[in-house]
Amino acid sequence: MSYCKTAPGHPWHGPYHDCEYGFPTRNDAVLFERLALEINQAGLSWLTVLKKRAAFFEAFREFDPRVVANFDEADRARLLGDARIIRNRLKIAAVMENAGRVVAIQSEYGSFASWLDKHHPLPKDDWVKLFKETFKFMGGEIVGEFLMSTGYLPGAHNPDCPVYARIVPLAPPWMREAVGRVDC
């Protein structure tokens, strides 16, 4: 069963599916949040992450990359002791490290979104390679879901899903890549 069939009406999946998943965003805090949540989802269910999302938002100071990049050992200890979030040492370390990398990207490209745009379009395998070279704790599923959830790769919604029709006018990056392409 696809997410488009199972998520609608679900108390946690429904709102995410209907209002966020696959919608393009230019907001670096939202992009960083999605990356952090995908890291934390690895090996767990997305439902677990969605249920802990508000606690993550609070614990990681609204996912402001500049704030998280300045987290210290006291913050690491605070996060590891916070039972409301996923307390995996490697995942917490990766999110903290990746915040610094997002800040460096912002310094060079103006924003995380601009960095993504600069590299778009890429096939998924090339995205995965780029993310593994740029960030910590990256794999194919993390990168793929991050990019689908933010509109850089297709596949978030089935074409017959009502949400798909709401996303089309927003021209997410994956749709812009197909515009004007001629296959010979």
C-alpha atoms as a PDB file:
ATOM      1  CA  MET A   1       0.000   0.000   0.000  1.00  0.00           C
ATOM      2  CA  SER A   2       1.240   3.477  -0.828  1.00  0.00           C
ATOM      3  CA  TYR A   3       1.540   6.317   1.660  1.00  0.00           C
ATOM      4  CA  CYS A   4      -1.194   8.117  -0.297  1.00  0.00           C
ATOM      5  CA  LYS A   5      -3.619   5.290   0.514  1.00  0.00           C
ATOM      6  CA  THR A   6      -2.664   4.706   4.153  1.00  0.00           C
ATOM      7  CA  ALA A   7      -1.848   8.191   5.495  1.00  0.00           C
ATOM      8  CA  PRO A   8      -5.083  10.158   4.897  1.00  0.00           C
ATOM      9  CA  GLY A   9      -7.200  10.214   8.026  1.00  0.00           C
ATOM     10  CA  HIS A  10      -4.416   8.890  10.258  1.00  0.00           C
ATOM     11  CA  PRO A  11      -3.881  11.228  13.254  1.00  0.00           C
ATOM     12  CA  TRP A  12      -0.115  11.498  12.679  1.00  0.00           C
ATOM     13  CA  HIS A  13       0.553  10.496   9.076  1.00  0.00           C
ATOM     14  CA  GLY A  14      -2.497  12.315   7.673  1.00  0.00           C
ATOM     15  CA  PRO A  15      -1.464  15.891   8.473  1.00  0.00           C
ATOM     16  CA  TYR A  16       2.130  15.249   7.362  1.00  0.00           C
ATOM     17  CA  HIS A  17       0.997  13.616   4.108  1.00  0.00           C
ATOM     18  CA  ASP A  18      -1.641  16.248   3.364  1.00  0.00           C
ATOM     19  CA  CYS A  19       0.271  19.424   4.245  1.00  0.00           C
ATOM     20  CA  GLU A  20       4.034  18.814   4.142  1.00  0.00           C
ATOM     21  CA  TYR A  21       5.248  15.682   2.376  1.00  0.00           C
ATOM     22  CA  GLY A  22       6.448  16.528  -1.119  1.00  0.00           C
ATOM     23  CA  PHE A  23       5.687  20.235  -0.808  1.00  0.00           C
ATOM     24  CA  PRO A  24       8.652  22.361  -1.909  1.00  0.00           C
ATOM     25  CA  THR A  25      10.234  24.604   0.712  1.00  0.00           C
ATOM     26  CA  ARG A  26      12.892  27.313   0.655  1.00  0.00           C
ATOM     27  CA  ASN A  27      13.056  27.583   4.456  1.00  0.00           C
ATOM     28  CA  ASP A  28      16.447  26.399   5.723  1.00  0.00           C
ATOM     29  CA  ALA A  29      15.116  25.578   9.200  1.00  0.00           C
ATOM     30  CA  VAL A  30      12.456  23.344   7.615  1.00  0.00           C
ATOM     31  CA  LEU A  31      15.046  21.721   5.358  1.00  0.00           C
ATOM     32  CA  PHE A  32      17.358  21.120   8.314  1.00  0.00           C
ATOM     33  CA  GLU A  33      14.466  19.724  10.367  1.00  0.00           C
ATOM     34  CA  ARG A  34      13.565  17.263   7.600  1.00  0.00           C
ATOM     35  CA  LEU A  35      17.184  16.152   7.313  1.00  0.00           C
ATOM     36  CA  ALA A  36      17.420  15.693  11.088  1.00  0.00           C
ATOM     37  CA  LEU A  37      14.136  13.791  11.271  1.00  0.00           C
ATOM     38  CA  GLU A  38      15.168  11.485   8.427  1.00  0.00           C
ATOM     39  CA  ILE A  39      18.440  10.755  10.253  1.00  0.00           C
ATOM     40  CA  ASN A  40      16.483   9.915  13.386  1.00  0.00           C
ATOM     41  CA  GLN A  41      14.024   7.724  11.498  1.00  0.00           C
ATOM     42  CA  ALA A  42      16.770   5.353  10.297  1.00  0.00           C
ATOM     43  CA  GLY A  43      15.909   1.890  11.581  1.00  0.00           C
ATOM     44  CA  LEU A  44      12.632   3.063  13.131  1.00  0.00           C
ATOM     45  CA  SER A  45       9.116   3.774  11.921  1.00  0.00           C
ATOM     46  CA  TRP A  46       8.159   7.190  10.584  1.00  0.00           C
ATOM     47  CA  LEU A  47       5.269   7.116  13.050  1.00  0.00           C
ATOM     48  CA  THR A  48       7.765   7.047  15.939  1.00  0.00           C
ATOM     49  CA  VAL A  49       9.439  10.161  14.559  1.00  0.00           C
ATOM     50  CA  LEU A  50       6.168  11.984  13.924  1.00  0.00           C
ATOM     51  CA  LYS A  51       5.021  11.316  17.492  1.00  0.00           C
ATOM     52  CA  LYS A  52       8.303  12.765  18.824  1.00  0.00           C
ATOM     53  CA  ARG A  53       8.469  15.642  16.349  1.00  0.00           C
ATOM     54  CA  ALA A  54       7.321  18.394  18.710  1.00  0.00           C
ATOM     55  CA  ALA A  55       9.876  17.276  21.283  1.00  0.00           C
ATOM     56  CA  PHE A  56      12.612  17.249  18.621  1.00  0.00           C
ATOM     57  CA  PHE A  57      11.576  20.767  17.583  1.00  0.00           C
ATOM     58  CA  GLU A  58      11.946  21.981  21.149  1.00  0.00           C
ATOM     59  CA  ALA A  59      15.107  19.996  21.969  1.00  0.00           C
ATOM     60  CA  PHE A  60      16.874  21.161  18.793  1.00  0.00           C
ATOM     61  CA  ARG A  61      15.799  24.801  19.294  1.00  0.00           C
ATOM     62  CA  GLU A  62      13.385  24.979  16.359  1.00  0.00           C
ATOM     63  CA  PHE A  63      16.039  23.462  14.085  1.00  0.00           C
ATOM     64  CA  ASP A  64      17.828  26.764  13.612  1.00  0.00           C
ATOM     65  CA  PRO A  65      21.082  25.500  12.071  1.00  0.00           C
ATOM     66  CA  ARG A  66      23.130  28.360  13.576  1.00  0.00           C
ATOM     67  CA  VAL A  67      21.881  27.586  17.070  1.00  0.00           C
ATOM     68  CA  VAL A  68      22.393  23.816  16.758  1.00  0.00           C
ATOM     69  CA  ALA A  69      25.853  24.331  15.245  1.00  0.00           C
ATOM     70  CA  ASN A  70      26.822  26.003  18.525  1.00  0.00           C
ATOM     71  CA  PHE A  71      25.591  23.165  20.727  1.00  0.00           C
ATOM     72  CA  ASP A  72      28.265  21.982  23.142  1.00  0.00           C
ATOM     73  CA  GLU A  73      28.847  18.969  25.363  1.00  0.00           C
ATOM     74  CA  ALA A  74      26.213  20.172  27.826  1.00  0.00           C
ATOM     75  CA  ASP A  75      23.688  20.240  24.976  1.00  0.00           C
ATOM     76  CA  ARG A  76      24.765  16.767  23.854  1.00  0.00           C
ATOM     77  CA  ALA A  77      24.234  15.490  27.416  1.00  0.00           C
ATOM     78  CA  ARG A  78      20.862  17.262  27.577  1.00  0.00           C
ATOM     79  CA  LEU A  79      19.765  15.601  24.329  1.00  0.00           C
ATOM     80  CA  LEU A  80      20.997  12.168  25.387  1.00  0.00           C
ATOM     81  CA  GLY A  81      19.011  12.545  28.599  1.00  0.00           C
ATOM     82  CA  ASP A  82      15.786  13.713  26.941  1.00  0.00           C
ATOM     83  CA  ALA A  83      13.429  10.707  26.908  1.00  0.00           C
ATOM     84  CA  ARG A  84      11.005  12.601  24.645  1.00  0.00           C
ATOM     85  CA  ILE A  85      13.334  12.238  21.634  1.00  0.00           C
ATOM     86  CA  ILE A  86      15.319   9.395  20.085  1.00  0.00           C
ATOM     87  CA  ARG A  87      18.416   9.206  22.260  1.00  0.00           C
ATOM     88  CA  ASN A  88      20.855   7.631  19.850  1.00  0.00           C
ATOM     89  CA  ARG A  89      24.376   8.966  20.376  1.00  0.00           C
ATOM     90  CA  LEU A  90      25.358   8.657  16.692  1.00  0.00           C
ATOM     91  CA  LYS A  91      22.178  10.329  15.433  1.00  0.00           C
ATOM     92  CA  ILE A  92      22.468  13.218  17.886  1.00  0.00           C
ATOM     93  CA  ALA A  93      26.126  13.710  16.957  1.00  0.00           C
ATOM     94  CA  ALA A  94      25.227  13.652  13.253  1.00  0.00           C
ATOM     95  CA  VAL A  95      22.504  16.286  13.634  1.00  0.00           C
ATOM     96  CA  MET A  96      24.847  18.540  15.603  1.00  0.00           C
ATOM     97  CA  GLU A  97      27.663  18.092  13.069  1.00  0.00           C
ATOM     98  CA  ASN A  98      25.324  18.563  10.116  1.00  0.00           C
ATOM     99  CA  ALA A  99      24.087  21.855  11.569  1.00  0.00           C
ATOM    100  CA  GLY A 100      27.629  23.186  11.220  1.00  0.00           C
ATOM    101  CA  ARG A 101      27.789  21.908   7.682  1.00  0.00           C
ATOM    102  CA  VAL A 102      24.498  23.624   6.822  1.00  0.00           C
ATOM    103  CA  VAL A 103      25.885  26.870   8.273  1.00  0.00           C
ATOM    104  CA  ALA A 104      28.987  26.498   6.079  1.00  0.00           C
ATOM    105  CA  ILE A 105      26.744  25.879   3.056  1.00  0.00           C
ATOM    106  CA  GLN A 106      24.716  28.982   3.934  1.00  0.00           C
ATOM    107  CA  SER A 107      27.911  31.025   4.112  1.00  0.00           C
ATOM    108  CA  GLU A 108      29.014  29.852   0.692  1.00  0.00           C
ATOM    109  CA  TYR A 109      25.691  29.605  -1.185  1.00  0.00           C
ATOM    110  CA  GLY A 110      23.423  31.991   0.732  1.00  0.00           C
ATOM    111  CA  SER A 111      21.112  29.215   1.878  1.00  0.00           C
ATOM    112  CA  PHE A 112      20.760  25.455   2.146  1.00  0.00           C
ATOM    113  CA  ALA A 113      17.971  25.718  -0.451  1.00  0.00           C
ATOM    114  CA  SER A 114      20.333  27.485  -2.891  1.00  0.00           C
ATOM    115  CA  TRP A 115      22.886  24.694  -2.433  1.00  0.00           C
ATOM    116  CA  LEU A 116      20.210  22.119  -3.240  1.00  0.00           C
ATOM    117  CA  ASP A 117      19.152  24.154  -6.288  1.00  0.00           C
ATOM    118  CA  LYS A 118      22.744  24.394  -7.503  1.00  0.00           C
ATOM    119  CA  HIS A 119      23.013  20.605  -7.590  1.00  0.00           C
ATOM    120  CA  HIS A 120      19.550  19.941  -8.988  1.00  0.00           C
ATOM    121  CA  PRO A 121      18.708  17.935 -11.020  1.00  0.00           C
ATOM    122  CA  LEU A 122      20.719  14.884 -10.143  1.00  0.00           C
ATOM    123  CA  PRO A 123      19.772  11.231 -10.279  1.00  0.00           C
ATOM    124  CA  LYS A 124      19.193   9.746  -6.826  1.00  0.00           C
ATOM    125  CA  ASP A 125      22.516   7.869  -6.788  1.00  0.00           C
ATOM    126  CA  ASP A 126      24.413  11.109  -7.429  1.00  0.00           C
ATOM    127  CA  TRP A 127      22.418  12.877  -4.707  1.00  0.00           C
ATOM    128  CA  VAL A 128      23.324  10.089  -2.280  1.00  0.00           C
ATOM    129  CA  LYS A 129      27.008  10.391  -3.179  1.00  0.00           C
ATOM    130  CA  LEU A 130      26.896  14.185  -2.738  1.00  0.00           C
ATOM    131  CA  PHE A 131      25.131  13.933   0.627  1.00  0.00           C
ATOM    132  CA  LYS A 132      27.558  11.267   1.865  1.00  0.00           C
ATOM    133  CA  GLU A 133      30.446  13.581   0.940  1.00  0.00           C
ATOM    134  CA  THR A 134      28.801  16.617   2.563  1.00  0.00           C
ATOM    135  CA  PHE A 135      26.964  15.342   5.651  1.00  0.00           C
ATOM    136  CA  LYS A 136      27.236  12.702   8.393  1.00  0.00           C
ATOM    137  CA  PHE A 137      25.012   9.629   8.806  1.00  0.00           C
ATOM    138  CA  MET A 138      23.750   9.558   5.221  1.00  0.00           C
ATOM    139  CA  GLY A 139      22.399   6.617   3.281  1.00  0.00           C
ATOM    140  CA  GLY A 140      20.171   6.060   0.299  1.00  0.00           C
ATOM    141  CA  GLU A 141      16.910   5.950   2.250  1.00  0.00           C
ATOM    142  CA  ILE A 142      17.699   9.043   4.327  1.00  0.00           C
ATOM    143  CA  VAL A 143      18.729  11.067   1.274  1.00  0.00           C
ATOM    144  CA  GLY A 144      15.882   9.796  -0.904  1.00  0.00           C
ATOM    145  CA  GLU A 145      13.185  10.511   1.668  1.00  0.00           C
ATOM    146  CA  PHE A 146      14.656  13.926   2.488  1.00  0.00           C
ATOM    147  CA  LEU A 147      14.659  14.889  -1.189  1.00  0.00           C
ATOM    148  CA  MET A 148      11.159  13.501  -1.854  1.00  0.00           C
ATOM    149  CA  SER A 149       9.766  15.186   1.235  1.00  0.00           C
ATOM    150  CA  THR A 150      11.104  18.582   0.124  1.00  0.00           C
ATOM    151  CA  GLY A 151      10.175  18.301  -3.561  1.00  0.00           C
ATOM    152  CA  TYR A 152      13.597  17.583  -5.075  1.00  0.00           C
ATOM    153  CA  LEU A 153      12.813  14.015  -6.134  1.00  0.00           C
ATOM    154  CA  PRO A 154       9.514  12.659  -7.470  1.00  0.00           C
ATOM    155  CA  GLY A 155       7.527   9.949  -5.756  1.00  0.00           C
ATOM    156  CA  ALA A 156       6.063  11.551  -2.643  1.00  0.00           C
ATOM    157  CA  HIS A 157       2.505  11.238  -4.003  1.00  0.00           C
ATOM    158  CA  ASN A 158       0.734   9.122  -6.573  1.00  0.00           C
ATOM    159  CA  PRO A 159      -0.656  11.140  -9.512  1.00  0.00           C
ATOM    160  CA  ASP A 160      -4.201  10.164  -8.459  1.00  0.00           C
ATOM    161  CA  CYS A 161      -3.670  11.491  -4.913  1.00  0.00           C
ATOM    162  CA  PRO A 162      -5.559  14.762  -4.251  1.00  0.00           C
ATOM    163  CA  VAL A 163      -2.412  16.195  -2.622  1.00  0.00           C
ATOM    164  CA  TYR A 164      -0.496  15.672  -5.877  1.00  0.00           C
ATOM    165  CA  ALA A 165      -2.922  18.091  -7.561  1.00  0.00           C
ATOM    166  CA  ARG A 166      -2.196  20.676  -4.851  1.00  0.00           C
ATOM    167  CA  ILE A 167       1.564  20.313  -5.313  1.00  0.00           C
ATOM    168  CA  VAL A 168       1.595  20.623  -9.118  1.00  0.00           C
ATOM    169  CA  PRO A 169       0.932  24.420  -9.148  1.00  0.00           C
ATOM    170  CA  LEU A 170       3.836  24.888  -6.717  1.00  0.00           C
ATOM    171  CA  ALA A 171       6.235  23.528  -9.381  1.00  0.00           C
ATOM    172  CA  PRO A 172       8.549  21.579  -7.065  1.00  0.00           C
ATOM    173  CA  PRO A 173      12.097  21.162  -8.365  1.00  0.00           C
ATOM    174  CA  TRP A 174      11.497  17.607  -9.585  1.00  0.00           C
ATOM    175  CA  MET A 175       8.713  18.890 -11.848  1.00  0.00           C
ATOM    176  CA  ARG A 176      10.783  21.802 -13.158  1.00  0.00           C
ATOM    177  CA  GLU A 177      13.487  19.419 -14.305  1.00  0.00           C
ATOM    178  CA  ALA A 178      11.043  17.642 -16.578  1.00  0.00           C
ATOM    179  CA  VAL A 179       9.690  20.838 -18.161  1.00  0.00           C
ATOM    180  CA  GLY A 180      11.150  21.387 -21.611  1.00  0.00           C
ATOM    181  CA  ARG A 181      13.099  18.136 -21.651  1.00  0.00           C
ATOM    182  CA  VAL A 182      13.026  16.324 -24.969  1.00  0.00           C
ATOM    183  CA  ASP A 183      13.793  12.640 -25.120  1.00  0.00           C
ATOM    184  CA  CYS A 184      15.223  11.533 -28.465  1.00  0.00           C
END
